[in-house]
């Protein structure tokens, strides 16, 4: 299985609760419709009194059968709509994404 990770930074002027609300209420339904998406995991940063806040607000994991199916998924109207929606709540210049090679140790 292929894993695609998205590291999102919220737009200036959007606080964490609004960022997460928009993500869950608006963006998630778009992403759920992406053809060929096998697994979808959302990780949101939380306040931690013992550590400084991360430079990101969410890390999203999207799993596809293989590279070809992932690229085909992004090319669909649903894939394009999900990608285009990121600009509504995320700072695209500070956000990033990549296919990763995951090694599960235990």
PDB file of N, CA and C in Angstrom:
ATOM      1  N   UNK A   1       0.844  -1.174   0.000  1.00  0.00           N
ATOM      2  CA  UNK A   1       0.000   0.000   0.000  1.00  0.00           C
ATOM      3  C   UNK A   1       0.888   1.235   0.000  1.00  0.00           C
ATOM      4  N   UNK A   2       0.439   2.287  -0.656  1.00  0.00           N
ATOM      5  CA  UNK A   2       1.169   3.538  -0.771  1.00  0.00           C
ATOM      6  C   UNK A   2       0.596   4.557   0.221  1.00  0.00           C
ATOM      7  N   UNK A   3       1.467   5.252   0.912  1.00  0.00           N
ATOM      8  CA  UNK A   3       1.034   6.240   1.902  1.00  0.00           C
ATOM      9  C   UNK A   3       1.447   7.634   1.440  1.00  0.00           C
ATOM     10  N   UNK A   4       0.476   8.541   1.410  1.00  0.00           N
ATOM     11  CA  UNK A   4       0.681   9.935   1.033  1.00  0.00           C
ATOM     12  C   UNK A   4       0.393  10.778   2.272  1.00  0.00           C
ATOM     13  N   UNK A   5       1.364  11.576   2.679  1.00  0.00           N
ATOM     14  CA  UNK A   5       1.187  12.393   3.887  1.00  0.00           C
ATOM     15  C   UNK A   5       1.122  13.865   3.529  1.00  0.00           C
ATOM     16  N   UNK A   6       0.226  14.549   4.210  1.00  0.00           N
ATOM     17  CA  UNK A   6       0.051  15.986   4.029  1.00  0.00           C
ATOM     18  C   UNK A   6       0.287  16.645   5.385  1.00  0.00           C
ATOM     19  N   UNK A   7       1.207  17.606   5.431  1.00  0.00           N
ATOM     20  CA  UNK A   7       1.496  18.349   6.649  1.00  0.00           C
ATOM     21  C   UNK A   7       0.912  19.748   6.440  1.00  0.00           C
ATOM     22  N   UNK A   8      -0.151  20.053   7.192  1.00  0.00           N
ATOM     23  CA  UNK A   8      -0.881  21.294   6.989  1.00  0.00           C
ATOM     24  C   UNK A   8      -0.566  22.337   8.060  1.00  0.00           C
ATOM     25  N   UNK A   9      -0.450  23.565   7.588  1.00  0.00           N
ATOM     26  CA  UNK A   9      -0.297  24.735   8.453  1.00  0.00           C
ATOM     27  C   UNK A   9      -1.505  25.618   8.169  1.00  0.00           C
ATOM     28  N   UNK A  10      -2.182  26.046   9.222  1.00  0.00           N
ATOM     29  CA  UNK A  10      -3.390  26.840   9.006  1.00  0.00           C
ATOM     30  C   UNK A  10      -3.055  28.242   8.498  1.00  0.00           C
ATOM     31  N   UNK A  11      -4.008  28.821   7.799  1.00  0.00           N
ATOM     32  CA  UNK A  11      -3.872  30.180   7.300  1.00  0.00           C
ATOM     33  C   UNK A  11      -3.816  31.160   8.463  1.00  0.00           C
ATOM     34  N   UNK A  12      -3.094  32.248   8.269  1.00  0.00           N
ATOM     35  CA  UNK A  12      -3.098  33.321   9.261  1.00  0.00           C
ATOM     36  C   UNK A  12      -4.529  33.804   9.456  1.00  0.00           C
ATOM     37  N   UNK A  13      -4.889  34.089  10.693  1.00  0.00           N
ATOM     38  CA  UNK A  13      -6.226  34.572  11.000  1.00  0.00           C
ATOM     39  C   UNK A  13      -7.223  33.471  11.317  1.00  0.00           C
ATOM     40  N   UNK A  14      -6.831  32.226  11.162  1.00  0.00           N
ATOM     41  CA  UNK A  14      -7.705  31.094  11.503  1.00  0.00           C
ATOM     42  C   UNK A  14      -7.128  30.428  12.743  1.00  0.00           C
ATOM     43  N   UNK A  15      -7.921  30.359  13.812  1.00  0.00           N
ATOM     44  CA  UNK A  15      -7.422  29.722  15.036  1.00  0.00           C
ATOM     45  C   UNK A  15      -7.583  28.201  14.928  1.00  0.00           C
ATOM     46  N   UNK A  16      -6.969  27.485  15.864  1.00  0.00           N
ATOM     47  CA  UNK A  16      -7.002  26.019  15.819  1.00  0.00           C
ATOM     48  C   UNK A  16      -8.413  25.442  15.828  1.00  0.00           C
ATOM     49  N   UNK A  17      -9.305  25.920  16.712  1.00  0.00           N
ATOM     50  CA  UNK A  17     -10.663  25.349  16.682  1.00  0.00           C
ATOM     51  C   UNK A  17     -11.372  25.559  15.338  1.00  0.00           C
ATOM     52  N   UNK A  18     -11.215  26.725  14.728  1.00  0.00           N
ATOM     53  CA  UNK A  18     -11.861  26.983  13.441  1.00  0.00           C
ATOM     54  C   UNK A  18     -11.213  26.129  12.342  1.00  0.00           C
ATOM     55  N   UNK A  19      -9.903  25.984  12.390  1.00  0.00           N
ATOM     56  CA  UNK A  19      -9.182  25.141  11.429  1.00  0.00           C
ATOM     57  C   UNK A  19      -9.736  23.710  11.474  1.00  0.00           C
ATOM     58  N   UNK A  20      -9.830  23.161  12.664  1.00  0.00           N
ATOM     59  CA  UNK A  20     -10.318  21.790  12.806  1.00  0.00           C
ATOM     60  C   UNK A  20     -11.793  21.686  12.426  1.00  0.00           C
ATOM     61  N   UNK A  21     -12.608  22.672  12.796  1.00  0.00           N
ATOM     62  CA  UNK A  21     -14.023  22.656  12.436  1.00  0.00           C
ATOM     63  C   UNK A  21     -14.184  22.648  10.917  1.00  0.00           C
ATOM     64  N   UNK A  22     -13.466  23.522  10.234  1.00  0.00           N
ATOM     65  CA  UNK A  22     -13.564  23.569   8.779  1.00  0.00           C
ATOM     66  C   UNK A  22     -13.112  22.236   8.182  1.00  0.00           C
ATOM     67  N   UNK A  23     -11.995  21.738   8.694  1.00  0.00           N
ATOM     68  CA  UNK A  23     -11.480  20.475   8.179  1.00  0.00           C
ATOM     69  C   UNK A  23     -12.521  19.371   8.308  1.00  0.00           C
ATOM     70  N   UNK A  24     -13.090  19.213   9.503  1.00  0.00           N
ATOM     71  CA  UNK A  24     -14.038  18.130   9.755  1.00  0.00           C
ATOM     72  C   UNK A  24     -15.369  18.330   9.004  1.00  0.00           C
ATOM     73  N   UNK A  25     -15.878  19.559   8.993  1.00  0.00           N
ATOM     74  CA  UNK A  25     -17.208  19.811   8.433  1.00  0.00           C
ATOM     75  C   UNK A  25     -17.220  19.990   6.921  1.00  0.00           C
ATOM     76  N   UNK A  26     -16.147  20.544   6.366  1.00  0.00           N
ATOM     77  CA  UNK A  26     -16.138  20.868   4.937  1.00  0.00           C
ATOM     78  C   UNK A  26     -15.147  20.001   4.161  1.00  0.00           C
ATOM     79  N   UNK A  27     -13.905  19.957   4.623  1.00  0.00           N
ATOM     80  CA  UNK A  27     -12.874  19.259   3.844  1.00  0.00           C
ATOM     81  C   UNK A  27     -12.998  17.738   3.920  1.00  0.00           C
ATOM     82  N   UNK A  28     -13.241  17.217   5.099  1.00  0.00           N
ATOM     83  CA  UNK A  28     -13.329  15.758   5.236  1.00  0.00           C
ATOM     84  C   UNK A  28     -14.357  15.134   4.301  1.00  0.00           C
ATOM     85  N   UNK A  29     -15.568  15.697   4.179  1.00  0.00           N
ATOM     86  CA  UNK A  29     -16.521  15.099   3.234  1.00  0.00           C
ATOM     87  C   UNK A  29     -16.004  15.089   1.791  1.00  0.00           C
ATOM     88  N   UNK A  30     -15.221  16.097   1.411  1.00  0.00           N
ATOM     89  CA  UNK A  30     -14.634  16.102   0.066  1.00  0.00           C
ATOM     90  C   UNK A  30     -13.626  14.965  -0.072  1.00  0.00           C
ATOM     91  N   UNK A  31     -12.759  14.820   0.907  1.00  0.00           N
ATOM     92  CA  UNK A  31     -11.721  13.792   0.853  1.00  0.00           C
ATOM     93  C   UNK A  31     -12.318  12.387   0.881  1.00  0.00           C
ATOM     94  N   UNK A  32     -13.390  12.201   1.626  1.00  0.00           N
ATOM     95  CA  UNK A  32     -14.025  10.878   1.708  1.00  0.00           C
ATOM     96  C   UNK A  32     -14.511  10.384   0.350  1.00  0.00           C
ATOM     97  N   UNK A  33     -14.761  11.316  -0.572  1.00  0.00           N
ATOM     98  CA  UNK A  33     -15.274  10.950  -1.896  1.00  0.00           C
ATOM     99  C   UNK A  33     -14.171  10.638  -2.908  1.00  0.00           C
ATOM    100  N   UNK A  34     -12.905  10.739  -2.514  1.00  0.00           N
ATOM    101  CA  UNK A  34     -11.811  10.470  -3.448  1.00  0.00           C
ATOM    102  C   UNK A  34     -11.791   8.982  -3.783  1.00  0.00           C
ATOM    103  N   UNK A  35     -11.874   8.678  -5.067  1.00  0.00           N
ATOM    104  CA  UNK A  35     -11.885   7.291  -5.544  1.00  0.00           C
ATOM    105  C   UNK A  35     -10.574   6.601  -5.196  1.00  0.00           C
ATOM    106  N   UNK A  36     -10.676   5.380  -4.720  1.00  0.00           N
ATOM    107  CA  UNK A  36      -9.491   4.578  -4.461  1.00  0.00           C
ATOM    108  C   UNK A  36      -8.807   4.836  -3.137  1.00  0.00           C
ATOM    109  N   UNK A  37      -9.334   5.735  -2.332  1.00  0.00           N
ATOM    110  CA  UNK A  37      -8.753   6.005  -1.020  1.00  0.00           C
ATOM    111  C   UNK A  37      -9.063   4.829  -0.107  1.00  0.00           C
ATOM    112  N   UNK A  38      -8.024   4.144   0.395  1.00  0.00           N
ATOM    113  CA  UNK A  38      -8.199   2.930   1.188  1.00  0.00           C
ATOM    114  C   UNK A  38      -8.239   3.183   2.680  1.00  0.00           C
ATOM    115  N   UNK A  39      -7.484   4.177   3.127  1.00  0.00           N
ATOM    116  CA  UNK A  39      -7.431   4.518   4.547  1.00  0.00           C
ATOM    117  C   UNK A  39      -7.179   6.008   4.633  1.00  0.00           C
ATOM    118  N   UNK A  40      -7.771   6.634   5.667  1.00  0.00           N
ATOM    119  CA  UNK A  40      -7.695   8.084   5.789  1.00  0.00           C
ATOM    120  C   UNK A  40      -7.561   8.396   7.276  1.00  0.00           C
ATOM    121  N   UNK A  41      -6.417   8.967   7.677  1.00  0.00           N
ATOM    122  CA  UNK A  41      -6.127   9.230   9.078  1.00  0.00           C
ATOM    123  C   UNK A  41      -5.837  10.712   9.253  1.00  0.00           C
ATOM    124  N   UNK A  42      -6.454  11.321  10.255  1.00  0.00           N
ATOM    125  CA  UNK A  42      -6.236  12.730  10.560  1.00  0.00           C
ATOM    126  C   UNK A  42      -5.548  12.849  11.914  1.00  0.00           C
ATOM    127  N   UNK A  43      -4.481  13.642  11.968  1.00  0.00           N
ATOM    128  CA  UNK A  43      -3.740  13.893  13.203  1.00  0.00           C
ATOM    129  C   UNK A  43      -3.692  15.405  13.410  1.00  0.00           C
ATOM    130  N   UNK A  44      -4.323  15.889  14.476  1.00  0.00           N
ATOM    131  CA  UNK A  44      -4.339  17.321  14.771  1.00  0.00           C
ATOM    132  C   UNK A  44      -3.456  17.606  15.978  1.00  0.00           C
ATOM    133  N   UNK A  45      -2.639  18.648  15.884  1.00  0.00           N
ATOM    134  CA  UNK A  45      -1.790  19.047  17.006  1.00  0.00           C
ATOM    135  C   UNK A  45      -2.668  19.496  18.171  1.00  0.00           C
ATOM    136  N   UNK A  46      -2.256  19.156  19.381  1.00  0.00           N
ATOM    137  CA  UNK A  46      -2.953  19.590  20.591  1.00  0.00           C
ATOM    138  C   UNK A  46      -1.962  20.326  21.490  1.00  0.00           C
ATOM    139  N   UNK A  47      -2.477  21.171  22.343  1.00  0.00           N
ATOM    140  CA  UNK A  47      -1.626  21.886  23.291  1.00  0.00           C
ATOM    141  C   UNK A  47      -0.974  20.891  24.239  1.00  0.00           C
ATOM    142  N   UNK A  48       0.303  21.094  24.485  1.00  0.00           N
ATOM    143  CA  UNK A  48       1.078  20.229  25.365  1.00  0.00           C
ATOM    144  C   UNK A  48       1.915  21.134  26.266  1.00  0.00           C
ATOM    145  N   UNK A  49       1.631  21.163  27.563  1.00  0.00           N
ATOM    146  CA  UNK A  49       2.344  22.088  28.451  1.00  0.00           C
ATOM    147  C   UNK A  49       3.834  21.767  28.610  1.00  0.00           C
ATOM    148  N   UNK A  50       4.290  20.622  28.140  1.00  0.00           N
ATOM    149  CA  UNK A  50       5.687  20.220  28.307  1.00  0.00           C
ATOM    150  C   UNK A  50       6.527  20.364  27.040  1.00  0.00           C
ATOM    151  N   UNK A  51       5.893  20.729  25.940  1.00  0.00           N
ATOM    152  CA  UNK A  51       6.610  20.837  24.667  1.00  0.00           C
ATOM    153  C   UNK A  51       6.158  22.083  23.925  1.00  0.00           C
ATOM    154  N   UNK A  52       7.068  22.650  23.137  1.00  0.00           N
ATOM    155  CA  UNK A  52       6.678  23.817  22.345  1.00  0.00           C
ATOM    156  C   UNK A  52       5.754  23.367  21.215  1.00  0.00           C
ATOM    157  N   UNK A  53       4.869  24.230  20.772  1.00  0.00           N
ATOM    158  CA  UNK A  53       3.931  23.856  19.705  1.00  0.00           C
ATOM    159  C   UNK A  53       4.684  23.525  18.413  1.00  0.00           C
ATOM    160  N   UNK A  54       4.179  22.564  17.658  1.00  0.00           N
ATOM    161  CA  UNK A  54       4.837  22.240  16.386  1.00  0.00           C
ATOM    162  C   UNK A  54       4.605  23.350  15.361  1.00  0.00           C
ATOM    163  N   UNK A  55       5.356  23.316  14.295  1.00  0.00           N
ATOM    164  CA  UNK A  55       5.218  24.301  13.223  1.00  0.00           C
ATOM    165  C   UNK A  55       4.061  23.959  12.285  1.00  0.00           C
ATOM    166  N   UNK A  56       3.342  22.893  12.576  1.00  0.00           N
ATOM    167  CA  UNK A  56       2.228  22.444  11.744  1.00  0.00           C
ATOM    168  C   UNK A  56       0.976  22.302  12.607  1.00  0.00           C
ATOM    169  N   UNK A  57      -0.177  22.187  11.955  1.00  0.00           N
ATOM    170  CA  UNK A  57      -1.450  22.051  12.664  1.00  0.00           C
ATOM    171  C   UNK A  57      -2.107  20.692  12.476  1.00  0.00           C
ATOM    172  N   UNK A  58      -1.809  20.023  11.384  1.00  0.00           N
ATOM    173  CA  UNK A  58      -2.391  18.699  11.143  1.00  0.00           C
ATOM    174  C   UNK A  58      -1.479  17.902  10.222  1.00  0.00           C
ATOM    175  N   UNK A  59      -1.438  16.607  10.455  1.00  0.00           N
ATOM    176  CA  UNK A  59      -0.772  15.687   9.541  1.00  0.00           C
ATOM    177  C   UNK A  59      -1.834  14.682   9.096  1.00  0.00           C
ATOM    178  N   UNK A  60      -2.020  14.613   7.801  1.00  0.00           N
ATOM    179  CA  UNK A  60      -3.060  13.770   7.230  1.00  0.00           C
ATOM    180  C   UNK A  60      -2.393  12.622   6.479  1.00  0.00           C
ATOM    181  N   UNK A  61      -2.893  11.413   6.693  1.00  0.00           N
ATOM    182  CA  UNK A  61      -2.370  10.222   6.036  1.00  0.00           C
ATOM    183  C   UNK A  61      -3.443   9.670   5.101  1.00  0.00           C
ATOM    184  N   UNK A  62      -3.074   9.525   3.845  1.00  0.00           N
ATOM    185  CA  UNK A  62      -3.987   8.970   2.847  1.00  0.00           C
ATOM    186  C   UNK A  62      -3.321   7.754   2.221  1.00  0.00           C
ATOM    187  N   UNK A  63      -4.025   6.644   2.183  1.00  0.00           N
ATOM    188  CA  UNK A  63      -3.479   5.380   1.693  1.00  0.00           C
ATOM    189  C   UNK A  63      -4.193   4.959   0.407  1.00  0.00           C
ATOM    190  N   UNK A  64      -3.378   4.525  -0.553  1.00  0.00           N
ATOM    191  CA  UNK A  64      -3.880   4.040  -1.840  1.00  0.00           C
ATOM    192  C   UNK A  64      -3.237   2.689  -2.139  1.00  0.00           C
ATOM    193  N   UNK A  65      -3.828   1.922  -3.049  1.00  0.00           N
ATOM    194  CA  UNK A  65      -3.268   0.614  -3.411  1.00  0.00           C
ATOM    195  C   UNK A  65      -1.866   0.733  -3.992  1.00  0.00           C
ATOM    196  N   UNK A  66      -1.659   1.748  -4.836  1.00  0.00           N
ATOM    197  CA  UNK A  66      -0.356   1.929  -5.479  1.00  0.00           C
ATOM    198  C   UNK A  66      -0.271   3.342  -6.054  1.00  0.00           C
ATOM    199  N   UNK A  67       0.877   3.639  -6.624  1.00  0.00           N
ATOM    200  CA  UNK A  67       1.139   4.979  -7.149  1.00  0.00           C
ATOM    201  C   UNK A  67       0.157   5.344  -8.266  1.00  0.00           C
ATOM    202  N   UNK A  68      -0.090   4.409  -9.151  1.00  0.00           N
ATOM    203  CA  UNK A  68      -0.984   4.670 -10.283  1.00  0.00           C
ATOM    204  C   UNK A  68      -2.395   5.012  -9.811  1.00  0.00           C
ATOM    205  N   UNK A  69      -2.888   4.284  -8.837  1.00  0.00           N
ATOM    206  CA  UNK A  69      -4.234   4.570  -8.327  1.00  0.00           C
ATOM    207  C   UNK A  69      -4.290   5.898  -7.593  1.00  0.00           C
ATOM    208  N   UNK A  70      -3.199   6.251  -6.906  1.00  0.00           N
ATOM    209  CA  UNK A  70      -3.156   7.546  -6.240  1.00  0.00           C
ATOM    210  C   UNK A  70      -3.230   8.675  -7.275  1.00  0.00           C
ATOM    211  N   UNK A  71      -2.399   8.594  -8.307  1.00  0.00           N
ATOM    212  CA  UNK A  71      -2.398   9.645  -9.327  1.00  0.00           C
ATOM    213  C   UNK A  71      -3.747   9.721 -10.041  1.00  0.00           C
ATOM    214  N   UNK A  72      -4.342   8.580 -10.289  1.00  0.00           N
ATOM    215  CA  UNK A  72      -5.672   8.572 -10.912  1.00  0.00           C
ATOM    216  C   UNK A  72      -6.697   9.228  -9.992  1.00  0.00           C
ATOM    217  N   UNK A  73      -6.577   8.979  -8.693  1.00  0.00           N
ATOM    218  CA  UNK A  73      -7.508   9.573  -7.728  1.00  0.00           C
ATOM    219  C   UNK A  73      -7.395  11.094  -7.712  1.00  0.00           C
ATOM    220  N   UNK A  74      -6.154  11.608  -7.710  1.00  0.00           N
ATOM    221  CA  UNK A  74      -5.974  13.070  -7.687  1.00  0.00           C
ATOM    222  C   UNK A  74      -6.513  13.712  -8.967  1.00  0.00           C
ATOM    223  N   UNK A  75      -6.544  12.969 -10.065  1.00  0.00           N
ATOM    224  CA  UNK A  75      -7.006  13.509 -11.347  1.00  0.00           C
ATOM    225  C   UNK A  75      -8.531  13.539 -11.482  1.00  0.00           C
ATOM    226  N   UNK A  76      -9.255  12.891 -10.570  1.00  0.00           N
ATOM    227  CA  UNK A  76     -10.723  12.896 -10.634  1.00  0.00           C
ATOM    228  C   UNK A  76     -11.265  14.241 -10.173  1.00  0.00           C
ATOM    229  N   UNK A  77     -12.511  14.566 -10.519  1.00  0.00           N
ATOM    230  CA  UNK A  77     -13.108  15.801 -10.014  1.00  0.00           C
ATOM    231  C   UNK A  77     -13.093  15.874  -8.482  1.00  0.00           C
ATOM    232  N   UNK A  78     -13.300  14.729  -7.819  1.00  0.00           N
ATOM    233  CA  UNK A  78     -13.287  14.699  -6.350  1.00  0.00           C
ATOM    234  C   UNK A  78     -11.886  14.967  -5.802  1.00  0.00           C
ATOM    235  N   UNK A  79     -10.877  14.388  -6.429  1.00  0.00           N
ATOM    236  CA  UNK A  79      -9.502  14.629  -6.009  1.00  0.00           C
ATOM    237  C   UNK A  79      -9.102  16.077  -6.208  1.00  0.00           C
ATOM    238  N   UNK A  80      -9.488  16.645  -7.343  1.00  0.00           N
ATOM    239  CA  UNK A  80      -9.187  18.052  -7.628  1.00  0.00           C
ATOM    240  C   UNK A  80      -9.918  18.967  -6.651  1.00  0.00           C
ATOM    241  N   UNK A  81     -11.175  18.679  -6.357  1.00  0.00           N
ATOM    242  CA  UNK A  81     -11.952  19.511  -5.430  1.00  0.00           C
ATOM    243  C   UNK A  81     -11.331  19.493  -4.040  1.00  0.00           C
ATOM    244  N   UNK A  82     -10.897  18.338  -3.596  1.00  0.00           N
ATOM    245  CA  UNK A  82     -10.266  18.223  -2.279  1.00  0.00           C
ATOM    246  C   UNK A  82      -8.963  19.018  -2.238  1.00  0.00           C
ATOM    247  N   UNK A  83      -8.156  18.897  -3.275  1.00  0.00           N
ATOM    248  CA  UNK A  83      -6.897  19.636  -3.335  1.00  0.00           C
ATOM    249  C   UNK A  83      -7.142  21.143  -3.375  1.00  0.00           C
ATOM    250  N   UNK A  84      -8.072  21.575  -4.196  1.00  0.00           N
ATOM    251  CA  UNK A  84      -8.367  23.009  -4.321  1.00  0.00           C
ATOM    252  C   UNK A  84      -8.917  23.596  -3.024  1.00  0.00           C
ATOM    253  N   UNK A  85      -9.642  22.806  -2.265  1.00  0.00           N
ATOM    254  CA  UNK A  85     -10.235  23.289  -1.014  1.00  0.00           C
ATOM    255  C   UNK A  85      -9.192  23.608   0.049  1.00  0.00           C
ATOM    256  N   UNK A  86      -8.004  23.038  -0.049  1.00  0.00           N
ATOM    257  CA  UNK A  86      -6.969  23.295   0.959  1.00  0.00           C
ATOM    258  C   UNK A  86      -6.691  24.787   1.122  1.00  0.00           C
ATOM    259  N   UNK A  87      -6.729  25.535   0.038  1.00  0.00           N
ATOM    260  CA  UNK A  87      -6.430  26.972   0.096  1.00  0.00           C
ATOM    261  C   UNK A  87      -7.437  27.759   0.929  1.00  0.00           C
ATOM    262  N   UNK A  88      -8.600  27.190   1.199  1.00  0.00           N
ATOM    263  CA  UNK A  88      -9.618  27.886   1.991  1.00  0.00           C
ATOM    264  C   UNK A  88      -9.238  27.982   3.464  1.00  0.00           C
ATOM    265  N   UNK A  89      -8.411  27.058   3.946  1.00  0.00           N
ATOM    266  CA  UNK A  89      -8.104  27.039   5.376  1.00  0.00           C
ATOM    267  C   UNK A  89      -6.637  26.792   5.704  1.00  0.00           C
ATOM    268  N   UNK A  90      -5.850  26.373   4.717  1.00  0.00           N
ATOM    269  CA  UNK A  90      -4.439  26.061   4.955  1.00  0.00           C
ATOM    270  C   UNK A  90      -3.537  27.029   4.198  1.00  0.00           C
ATOM    271  N   UNK A  91      -2.391  27.315   4.782  1.00  0.00           N
ATOM    272  CA  UNK A  91      -1.372  28.126   4.126  1.00  0.00           C
ATOM    273  C   UNK A  91      -0.599  27.188   3.196  1.00  0.00           C
ATOM    274  N   UNK A  92      -0.873  27.272   1.928  1.00  0.00           N
ATOM    275  CA  UNK A  92      -0.298  26.356   0.948  1.00  0.00           C
ATOM    276  C   UNK A  92       1.220  26.496   0.863  1.00  0.00           C
ATOM    277  N   UNK A  93       1.726  27.707   1.043  1.00  0.00           N
ATOM    278  CA  UNK A  93       3.177  27.925   0.965  1.00  0.00           C
ATOM    279  C   UNK A  93       3.930  27.260   2.116  1.00  0.00           C
ATOM    280  N   UNK A  94       3.312  27.161   3.276  1.00  0.00           N
ATOM    281  CA  UNK A  94       3.969  26.554   4.439  1.00  0.00           C
ATOM    282  C   UNK A  94       3.575  25.097   4.649  1.00  0.00           C
ATOM    283  N   UNK A  95       2.569  24.629   3.937  1.00  0.00           N
ATOM    284  CA  UNK A  95       2.151  23.230   4.010  1.00  0.00           C
ATOM    285  C   UNK A  95       2.958  22.417   3.008  1.00  0.00           C
ATOM    286  N   UNK A  96       2.992  21.115   3.211  1.00  0.00           N
ATOM    287  CA  UNK A  96       3.760  20.258   2.308  1.00  0.00           C
ATOM    288  C   UNK A  96       3.140  18.872   2.260  1.00  0.00           C
ATOM    289  N   UNK A  97       3.540  18.073   1.282  1.00  0.00           N
ATOM    290  CA  UNK A  97       3.009  16.725   1.130  1.00  0.00           C
ATOM    291  C   UNK A  97       4.037  15.859   0.417  1.00  0.00           C
ATOM    292  N   UNK A  98       3.936  14.572   0.627  1.00  0.00           N
ATOM    293  CA  UNK A  98       4.882  13.648   0.024  1.00  0.00           C
ATOM    294  C   UNK A  98       4.390  12.215   0.159  1.00  0.00           C
ATOM    295  N   UNK A  99       4.770  11.395  -0.792  1.00  0.00           N
ATOM    296  CA  UNK A  99       4.639   9.958  -0.636  1.00  0.00           C
ATOM    297  C   UNK A  99       5.766   9.552   0.304  1.00  0.00           C
ATOM    298  N   UNK A 100       5.478   8.651   1.233  1.00  0.00           N
ATOM    299  CA  UNK A 100       6.496   8.220   2.190  1.00  0.00           C
ATOM    300  C   UNK A 100       6.646   6.708   2.159  1.00  0.00           C
ATOM    301  N   UNK A 101       7.814   6.275   2.620  1.00  0.00           N
ATOM    302  CA  UNK A 101       8.105   4.855   2.772  1.00  0.00           C
ATOM    303  C   UNK A 101       8.001   4.568   4.271  1.00  0.00           C
ATOM    304  N   UNK A 102       6.921   3.957   4.688  1.00  0.00           N
ATOM    305  CA  UNK A 102       6.677   3.714   6.101  1.00  0.00           C
ATOM    306  C   UNK A 102       7.311   2.391   6.530  1.00  0.00           C
ATOM    307  N   UNK A 103       8.115   2.450   7.595  1.00  0.00           N
ATOM    308  CA  UNK A 103       8.672   1.249   8.208  1.00  0.00           C
ATOM    309  C   UNK A 103       8.044   1.103   9.582  1.00  0.00           C
ATOM    310  N   UNK A 104       7.205   0.114   9.757  1.00  0.00           N
ATOM    311  CA  UNK A 104       6.607  -0.149  11.052  1.00  0.00           C
ATOM    312  C   UNK A 104       7.557  -1.041  11.834  1.00  0.00           C
ATOM    313  N   UNK A 105       8.010  -0.560  12.991  1.00  0.00           N
ATOM    314  CA  UNK A 105       8.978  -1.303  13.789  1.00  0.00           C
ATOM    315  C   UNK A 105       8.268  -2.284  14.723  1.00  0.00           C
ATOM    316  N   UNK A 106       7.264  -1.845  15.424  1.00  0.00           N
ATOM    317  CA  UNK A 106       6.400  -2.731  16.218  1.00  0.00           C
ATOM    318  C   UNK A 106       5.123  -2.046  16.549  1.00  0.00           C
TER     319      UNK A 106
END
